[in-house]
Amino acid sequence: MKTLIIFLQICILYIFTYIGTVIHNFFHLVIPGSIIGLLLLFICLCFKIVPLKWIENGAGFLLSLLMLFFIPTTVGVMNYPSLLSIHGALLVLAVLLSTIISITIAGTAGQFFEKKAQKRKDDKE
């Protein structure tokens, strides 16, 4: 029974992706249809049009399989040895630097907003 529920929840997620693709094709938008579908799903979840329990297990199942979707890409890189040479090292360096910068900015912003919230809380008391 749980398998059937997960299958139906994945179908709901697919319906949102399909609706996003239809919107993308109809209006000839620059944003991909899958992203439009995710935004529609997000809006429906925010306004409680679609309850979280309708998609929770299906989304969790897909997230648990997410790493399997990257295996073909990783194996495909082996066909391009130039990516593993100096260009590959530069690519890895760029990814590491951008990750460190993103983490630093996110952490700094988080601390800033936390201090601001704490100050407002202290002012109220």
Protein backbone atom coordinates (compact mmCIF):
# COMPACT_ATOMS: atom_id res chain seq x y z
CA MET A 1 0.00 0.00 0.00
CA LYS A 2 2.85 2.37 0.84
CA THR A 3 4.34 1.81 -2.62
CA LEU A 4 1.05 2.83 -4.24
CA ILE A 5 0.88 5.99 -2.11
CA ILE A 6 4.44 6.94 -3.06
CA PHE A 7 3.64 6.29 -6.72
CA LEU A 8 0.56 8.53 -6.56
CA GLN A 9 2.52 11.28 -4.82
CA ILE A 10 5.20 11.13 -7.51
CA CYS A 11 2.39 11.40 -10.07
CA ILE A 12 1.21 14.61 -8.35
CA LEU A 13 4.75 16.00 -8.57
CA TYR A 14 4.89 14.99 -12.23
CA ILE A 15 1.57 16.74 -12.90
CA PHE A 16 3.04 20.00 -11.59
CA THR A 17 6.09 19.53 -13.82
CA TYR A 18 3.83 18.81 -16.80
CA ILE A 19 1.70 21.91 -16.13
CA GLY A 20 4.89 23.98 -15.94
CA THR A 21 6.05 22.55 -19.26
CA VAL A 22 2.70 23.32 -20.88
CA ILE A 23 2.88 26.91 -19.59
CA HIS A 24 6.46 27.19 -20.85
CA ASN A 25 5.54 25.95 -24.33
CA PHE A 26 2.33 28.00 -24.56
CA PHE A 27 3.85 31.34 -23.54
CA HIS A 28 7.37 30.66 -24.95
CA LEU A 29 9.02 31.67 -21.67
CA VAL A 30 12.74 31.71 -20.99
CA ILE A 31 12.31 29.88 -17.65
CA PRO A 32 12.22 26.06 -18.06
CA GLY A 33 8.91 24.32 -17.55
CA SER A 34 10.20 22.21 -14.68
CA ILE A 35 11.12 25.37 -12.75
CA ILE A 36 7.70 26.88 -13.46
CA GLY A 37 6.15 23.67 -12.16
CA LEU A 38 8.24 23.84 -8.98
CA LEU A 39 7.18 27.45 -8.46
CA LEU A 40 3.53 26.47 -8.92
CA LEU A 41 3.98 23.65 -6.41
CA PHE A 42 5.66 26.05 -3.97
CA ILE A 43 2.79 28.53 -4.29
CA CYS A 44 0.22 25.76 -3.80
CA LEU A 45 2.08 24.54 -0.71
CA CYS A 46 2.35 28.07 0.71
CA PHE A 47 -1.38 28.73 0.30
CA LYS A 48 -2.20 25.20 1.50
CA ILE A 49 -3.98 24.37 -1.76
CA VAL A 50 -1.91 21.19 -1.80
CA PRO A 51 -1.30 19.80 1.70
CA LEU A 52 2.25 18.68 2.39
CA LYS A 53 1.12 15.16 3.26
CA TRP A 54 -0.05 14.69 -0.34
CA ILE A 55 3.53 14.77 -1.65
CA GLU A 56 5.78 14.24 1.38
CA ASN A 57 6.60 10.54 0.98
CA GLY A 58 6.96 10.74 -2.81
CA ALA A 59 9.32 13.70 -2.58
CA GLY A 60 11.33 11.94 0.13
CA PHE A 61 11.61 8.86 -2.06
CA LEU A 62 12.85 10.91 -5.02
CA LEU A 63 15.35 12.73 -2.81
CA SER A 64 16.69 9.41 -1.54
CA LEU A 65 17.40 8.40 -5.16
CA LEU A 66 18.84 11.76 -6.17
CA MET A 67 22.47 10.61 -6.12
CA LEU A 68 21.66 7.89 -8.67
CA PHE A 69 20.71 10.59 -11.18
CA PHE A 70 24.27 11.97 -11.09
CA ILE A 71 26.03 8.67 -11.84
CA PRO A 72 25.60 8.86 -15.66
CA THR A 73 26.94 12.41 -15.66
CA THR A 74 29.93 11.44 -13.56
CA VAL A 75 30.72 8.45 -15.74
CA GLY A 76 30.24 10.60 -18.86
CA VAL A 77 33.03 12.91 -17.72
CA MET A 78 35.45 10.00 -18.26
CA ASN A 79 34.94 10.44 -22.02
CA TYR A 80 36.58 13.88 -21.79
CA PRO A 81 40.08 13.49 -20.34
CA SER A 82 40.78 17.17 -20.97
CA LEU A 83 38.30 17.99 -18.22
CA LEU A 84 40.45 15.99 -15.84
CA SER A 85 43.65 17.85 -16.76
CA ILE A 86 44.40 21.52 -15.98
CA HIS A 87 40.92 22.59 -17.06
CA GLY A 88 39.46 20.12 -14.62
CA ALA A 89 41.64 21.42 -11.81
CA LEU A 90 40.54 24.98 -12.59
CA LEU A 91 36.93 23.84 -12.65
CA VAL A 92 37.28 22.16 -9.25
CA LEU A 93 39.01 25.27 -7.89
CA ALA A 94 36.18 27.49 -9.17
CA VAL A 95 33.56 25.23 -7.60
CA LEU A 96 35.40 25.17 -4.27
CA LEU A 97 35.89 28.93 -4.20
CA SER A 98 32.28 29.65 -5.10
CA THR A 99 31.13 27.20 -2.42
CA ILE A 100 33.32 28.84 0.23
CA ILE A 101 32.13 32.31 -0.81
CA SER A 102 28.48 31.19 -0.73
CA ILE A 103 28.85 29.61 2.70
CA THR A 104 30.62 32.71 4.04
CA ILE A 105 27.99 35.10 2.71
CA ALA A 106 25.11 32.92 3.92
CA GLY A 107 26.67 32.55 7.37
CA THR A 108 27.40 36.26 7.70
CA ALA A 109 23.88 37.18 6.58
CA GLY A 110 22.41 34.62 8.97
CA GLN A 111 24.38 36.00 11.91
CA PHE A 112 23.46 39.56 10.96
CA PHE A 113 19.75 38.82 10.83
CA GLU A 114 19.91 36.74 14.01
CA LYS A 115 21.55 39.64 15.89
CA LYS A 116 18.94 42.00 14.51
CA ALA A 117 16.11 39.70 15.61
CA GLN A 118 17.70 39.29 19.06
CA LYS A 119 18.05 43.08 19.39
CA ARG A 120 14.37 43.55 18.51
CA LYS A 121 13.43 40.87 21.02
CA ASP A 122 15.52 42.57 23.72
CA ASP A 123 13.99 45.95 22.89
CA LYS A 124 10.48 44.52 23.29
CA GLU A 125 11.33 43.14 26.72
